[in-house]
Protein backbone atom coordinates (compact mmCIF):
# COMPACT_ATOMS: atom_id res chain seq x y z
CA MET A 1 0.00 0.00 0.00
CA PHE A 2 2.72 2.45 0.93
CA ALA A 3 4.48 1.86 -2.40
CA ASP A 4 1.32 3.00 -4.22
CA ILE A 5 0.98 6.02 -1.92
CA LYS A 6 4.64 6.92 -2.49
CA GLU A 7 4.18 6.65 -6.23
CA LYS A 8 1.22 9.02 -6.14
CA TYR A 9 2.59 11.29 -3.40
CA PRO A 10 6.42 11.16 -3.51
CA SER A 11 6.87 13.43 -0.48
CA GLN A 12 4.73 11.32 1.87
CA ASN A 13 6.58 9.45 4.62
CA LEU A 14 5.71 6.08 6.13
CA LEU A 15 5.48 7.33 9.72
CA ASP A 16 2.58 9.66 8.99
CA VAL A 17 0.66 6.83 7.32
CA LEU A 18 1.26 4.64 10.38
CA VAL A 19 0.02 7.45 12.63
CA ALA A 20 -3.22 7.65 10.62
CA MET A 21 -3.63 3.86 10.66
CA ASN A 22 -3.14 3.85 14.42
CA TRP A 23 -5.80 6.52 14.82
CA VAL A 24 -8.53 4.69 12.84
CA LYS A 25 -7.69 1.41 14.58
CA LEU A 26 -7.78 2.70 18.18
CA TYR A 27 -9.64 6.00 17.75
CA ASN A 28 -7.68 7.63 20.55
CA SER A 29 -8.15 11.29 21.45
CA TRP A 30 -5.71 13.84 20.10
CA GLU A 31 -4.31 14.17 23.64
CA VAL A 32 -3.41 10.47 23.70
CA MET A 33 -2.03 10.65 20.17
CA GLU A 34 0.03 13.67 21.19
CA GLY A 35 1.70 11.77 24.01
CA HIS A 36 2.26 8.60 22.02
CA TRP A 37 3.66 10.10 18.82
CA ARG A 38 5.37 13.18 20.33
CA TYR A 39 3.50 15.65 18.10
CA SER A 40 1.41 18.57 19.30
CA LYS A 41 -2.37 18.19 18.88
CA PRO A 42 -2.65 20.45 15.83
CA VAL A 43 0.27 18.70 14.15
CA VAL A 44 -0.91 15.14 14.82
CA ALA A 45 -4.45 16.04 13.69
CA ARG A 46 -3.09 17.49 10.43
CA LYS A 47 -0.80 14.52 9.82
CA VAL A 48 -3.65 12.05 10.38
CA LYS A 49 -5.98 13.90 8.03
CA ASP A 50 -3.38 14.36 5.29
CA ALA A 51 -2.26 10.71 5.37
CA ALA A 52 -5.83 9.42 5.59
CA LEU A 53 -6.81 11.43 2.52
CA MET A 54 -3.89 9.94 0.61
CA VAL A 55 -4.97 6.40 1.47
CA GLN A 56 -8.59 7.27 0.68
CA SER A 57 -7.51 8.51 -2.77
CA LEU A 58 -6.70 4.89 -3.71
CA ARG A 59 -10.34 3.88 -3.31
CA TYR A 60 -11.25 3.70 -6.99
CA LYS A 61 -8.05 1.86 -7.81
CA LYS A 62 -8.73 -0.88 -5.25
CA ILE A 63 -12.52 -1.04 -4.77
CA ASN A 64 -14.18 -1.94 -8.04
CA PHE A 65 -15.64 -4.75 -10.16
CA ASP A 66 -12.38 -5.49 -12.00
CA CYS A 67 -12.08 -8.99 -10.53
CA ILE A 68 -15.47 -10.13 -11.87
CA GLU A 69 -15.35 -12.64 -14.71
CA LYS A 70 -17.77 -12.76 -17.64
CA ASN A 71 -19.20 -16.18 -16.73
CA GLU A 72 -20.19 -15.11 -13.19
CA THR A 73 -23.84 -14.32 -12.49
CA TYR A 74 -23.89 -13.95 -8.72
CA ILE A 75 -20.91 -11.69 -8.22
CA MET A 76 -21.03 -10.33 -4.67
CA SER A 77 -22.83 -10.11 -1.37
CA VAL A 78 -24.05 -6.73 -0.15
CA ASP A 79 -24.92 -5.47 3.30
CA GLY A 80 -25.55 -2.24 5.18
CA MET A 81 -23.15 -0.89 7.80
CA HIS A 82 -24.47 1.56 10.39
CA CYS A 83 -22.03 3.81 12.25
CA GLU A 84 -22.89 5.94 15.27
CA THR A 85 -22.07 9.64 15.27
CA GLU A 86 -22.69 12.58 17.53
CA GLU A 87 -25.86 14.47 16.67
CA PHE A 88 -25.78 16.82 13.68
CA ARG A 89 -26.93 19.77 15.76
CA LEU A 90 -26.32 22.31 13.00
CA ASP A 91 -28.57 20.34 10.64
CA PRO A 92 -31.22 18.58 12.76
CA SER A 93 -33.16 16.07 10.69
CA THR A 94 -34.56 12.55 10.79
CA LYS A 95 -32.27 11.68 7.85
CA TRP A 96 -29.43 11.20 10.35
CA TYR A 97 -31.39 8.65 12.40
CA SER A 98 -30.15 5.06 12.28
CA GLN A 99 -32.92 2.59 13.03
CA LYS A 100 -30.39 -0.14 13.73
CA LYS A 101 -28.41 1.94 16.24
CA ASN A 102 -31.43 3.90 17.51
CA THR A 103 -29.35 7.07 17.45
CA SER A 104 -27.72 9.51 15.08
CA GLY A 105 -25.53 7.82 12.50
CA LEU A 106 -24.34 7.33 8.94
CA THR A 107 -25.06 4.30 6.78
CA TYR A 108 -22.87 2.65 4.17
CA GLU A 109 -23.52 -0.12 1.69
CA ILE A 110 -20.62 -2.54 1.32
CA GLY A 111 -20.08 -5.41 -1.05
CA CYS A 112 -17.66 -8.33 -1.13
CA ALA A 113 -16.99 -10.53 -4.18
CA ILE A 114 -18.27 -14.08 -3.82
CA ASN A 115 -15.53 -15.86 -5.77
CA HIS A 116 -12.64 -13.51 -5.09
CA ASP A 117 -11.01 -11.82 -2.11
CA HIS A 118 -12.05 -8.42 -3.31
CA TYR A 119 -13.86 -5.43 -1.83
CA THR A 120 -16.13 -4.67 -4.79
CA TRP A 121 -18.62 -2.07 -3.64
CA HIS A 122 -18.67 0.85 -1.22
CA TYR A 123 -21.36 3.51 -1.11
CA TYR A 124 -22.48 6.11 1.40
CA VAL A 125 -26.27 5.98 1.70
CA PRO A 126 -27.50 9.60 1.97
CA GLY A 127 -30.45 9.29 4.34
CA TRP A 128 -31.80 5.73 4.17
CA LYS A 129 -35.21 5.72 2.49
CA ALA A 130 -36.95 2.49 1.59
CA ASP A 131 -38.84 1.86 -1.66
CA LEU A 132 -37.68 4.95 -3.54
CA LYS A 133 -38.90 5.22 -7.12
CA VAL A 134 -36.13 4.77 -9.67
CA ARG A 135 -36.25 8.43 -10.75
CA ASP A 136 -35.65 9.55 -7.14
CA ARG A 137 -32.64 7.34 -6.48
CA ASP A 138 -29.07 8.52 -6.25
CA PRO A 139 -27.26 7.82 -9.57
CA ALA A 140 -24.29 6.62 -7.51
CA ALA A 141 -26.40 3.84 -5.91
CA LEU A 142 -25.80 0.16 -6.60
CA PHE A 143 -29.06 -0.03 -8.59
CA PHE A 144 -27.43 1.97 -11.40
CA ASN A 145 -23.89 0.66 -11.09
CA LEU A 146 -24.23 -3.12 -10.96
CA PRO A 147 -22.73 -4.56 -14.17
CA PRO A 148 -25.40 -5.69 -16.69
CA GLY A 149 -26.56 -9.27 -16.23
CA LYS A 150 -24.98 -9.58 -12.77
CA LYS A 151 -26.71 -10.14 -9.44
CA CYS A 152 -25.90 -9.73 -5.75
CA VAL A 153 -26.87 -11.67 -2.64
CA GLY A 154 -28.41 -9.71 0.23
CA ASP A 155 -30.54 -10.09 3.32
CA SER A 156 -34.30 -9.53 3.60
CA GLY A 157 -33.83 -5.75 3.55
CA TYR A 158 -33.18 -6.00 -0.19
CA ALA A 159 -36.28 -8.04 -0.98
CA GLY A 160 -37.71 -5.31 -3.24
CA GLU A 161 -34.99 -5.65 -5.91
CA PRO A 162 -35.34 -9.22 -7.33
CA ASP A 163 -33.76 -8.27 -10.66
CA LYS A 164 -30.63 -7.00 -8.96
CA ILE A 165 -30.35 -8.65 -5.55
CA VAL A 166 -31.31 -12.20 -4.57
CA VAL A 167 -32.58 -12.95 -1.06
CA SER A 168 -33.44 -16.32 0.44
CA ARG A 169 -36.98 -17.49 -0.36
CA PRO A 170 -38.95 -20.52 0.90
CA GLU A 171 -39.41 -21.75 -2.67
CA HIS A 172 -35.67 -21.85 -3.42
CA PRO A 173 -34.09 -25.31 -3.86
CA LYS A 174 -32.19 -26.65 -0.86
CA ASP A 175 -28.79 -26.43 -2.54
CA PHE A 176 -29.40 -22.81 -3.58
CA LYS A 177 -30.41 -21.91 -0.02
CA LYS A 178 -27.15 -23.47 1.17
CA PHE A 179 -25.23 -21.37 -1.34
CA LEU A 180 -26.93 -18.17 -0.16
CA ALA A 181 -26.22 -19.06 3.47
CA GLN A 182 -22.52 -19.59 2.73
CA VAL A 183 -22.34 -16.26 0.90
CA LYS A 184 -23.92 -14.47 3.87
CA ILE A 185 -21.45 -16.11 6.27
CA ARG A 186 -18.63 -14.86 4.06
CA GLN A 187 -20.11 -11.35 4.19
CA GLU A 188 -20.27 -11.50 7.99
CA THR A 189 -16.58 -12.47 8.07
CA PHE A 190 -15.90 -9.49 5.84
CA ASN A 191 -17.95 -7.21 8.12
CA ALA A 192 -15.95 -8.42 11.12
CA ARG A 193 -12.78 -7.07 9.53
CA LEU A 194 -14.33 -3.63 9.41
CA LYS A 195 -15.47 -3.79 13.01
CA VAL A 196 -11.96 -4.18 14.43
CA PHE A 197 -11.45 -0.49 13.68
CA ARG A 198 -12.75 1.45 16.65
CA VAL A 199 -13.39 4.59 14.59
CA LEU A 200 -16.30 2.63 13.04
CA THR A 201 -17.63 1.06 16.24
CA SER A 202 -17.31 4.11 18.51
CA ARG A 203 -19.48 7.20 18.38
CA PHE A 204 -17.76 9.47 15.87
CA HIS A 205 -17.22 12.94 17.32
CA HIS A 206 -14.94 14.76 14.87
CA GLY A 207 -15.90 17.49 12.42
CA THR A 208 -16.60 21.21 12.71
CA SER A 209 -19.93 21.16 10.84
CA SER A 210 -22.42 18.63 9.51
CA ALA A 211 -20.77 18.58 6.09
CA ASN A 212 -17.28 18.36 7.59
CA LYS A 213 -18.32 15.56 9.95
CA MET A 214 -19.72 13.55 7.03
CA LYS A 215 -16.59 14.19 4.98
CA MET A 216 -14.27 13.11 7.79
CA HIS A 217 -16.28 9.98 8.56
CA GLN A 218 -16.36 8.95 4.90
CA MET A 219 -12.63 9.57 4.75
CA CYS A 220 -12.12 7.13 7.64
CA VAL A 221 -14.43 4.48 6.19
CA GLU A 222 -12.87 4.64 2.74
CA MET A 223 -9.35 4.61 4.17
CA ILE A 224 -10.21 1.41 6.05
CA ALA A 225 -11.80 -0.08 2.93
CA VAL A 226 -8.55 0.45 1.04
CA MET A 227 -6.50 -1.04 3.89
CA ILE A 228 -8.69 -4.15 4.01
CA GLN A 229 -8.37 -4.68 0.27
CA TYR A 230 -4.58 -4.46 0.47
CA SER A 231 -4.58 -6.95 3.35
CA MET A 232 -6.67 -9.45 1.36
CA GLU A 233 -4.25 -9.14 -1.54
CA ASN A 234 -1.23 -9.70 0.67
CA GLY A 235 -1.67 -12.88 2.68
CA ALA A 236 -4.92 -12.33 4.58
CA PRO A 237 -7.79 -13.88 2.55
CA LEU A 238 -11.29 -14.08 4.02
CA PHE A 239 -11.03 -17.87 4.20
CA GLU A 240 -8.03 -20.15 4.02
CA SER A 241 -8.18 -22.45 1.00
């Protein structure tokens, strides 16, 4: 990963990247980071942000459908990830409410390839709304970006998209139900890798405004997504063969 960062940003040093990785993993306060890394709070905060943005910039290079082969129909599993945040007091709205967390939060849609160790899909869901008409959906949503002729596997929350996402049904053959169950287990293993980063499992409290808080949180999530993809490519597959 650092070789790719160095190629894109020749002046970046490894220590600053490690500082940023440490921050998203442990989500320590700037005071703790200051004592551990021997930087003042403003300096460590700047170094974390700058390095995190550099890692985040590799998102489109690493998170994509490039691994998918032409003969594959069911290409990935997809699931929602809910992250707690402090309230958006400068922009109070029900759009920040996470039903799963029963508090303020941000929601992401994540996808993992079924036949490859590859993080294939990552999307911030701007205010979760069920059963939107096609014309009202975000053009960046999976509905518009899934490769033609391909399908995903999801849980019951995706039951309204049978042409795009398959969910387990009573009428499915036994062997197909087993396949869907195995895919969902794989997705849960993938989700567990995200949850080891405390910045995603703690209540996020950084950001000077609603827009800045969203931007910083997305930066953290996408940085972690890139890190996970590099780890899967370098000796840490989801399952041992």
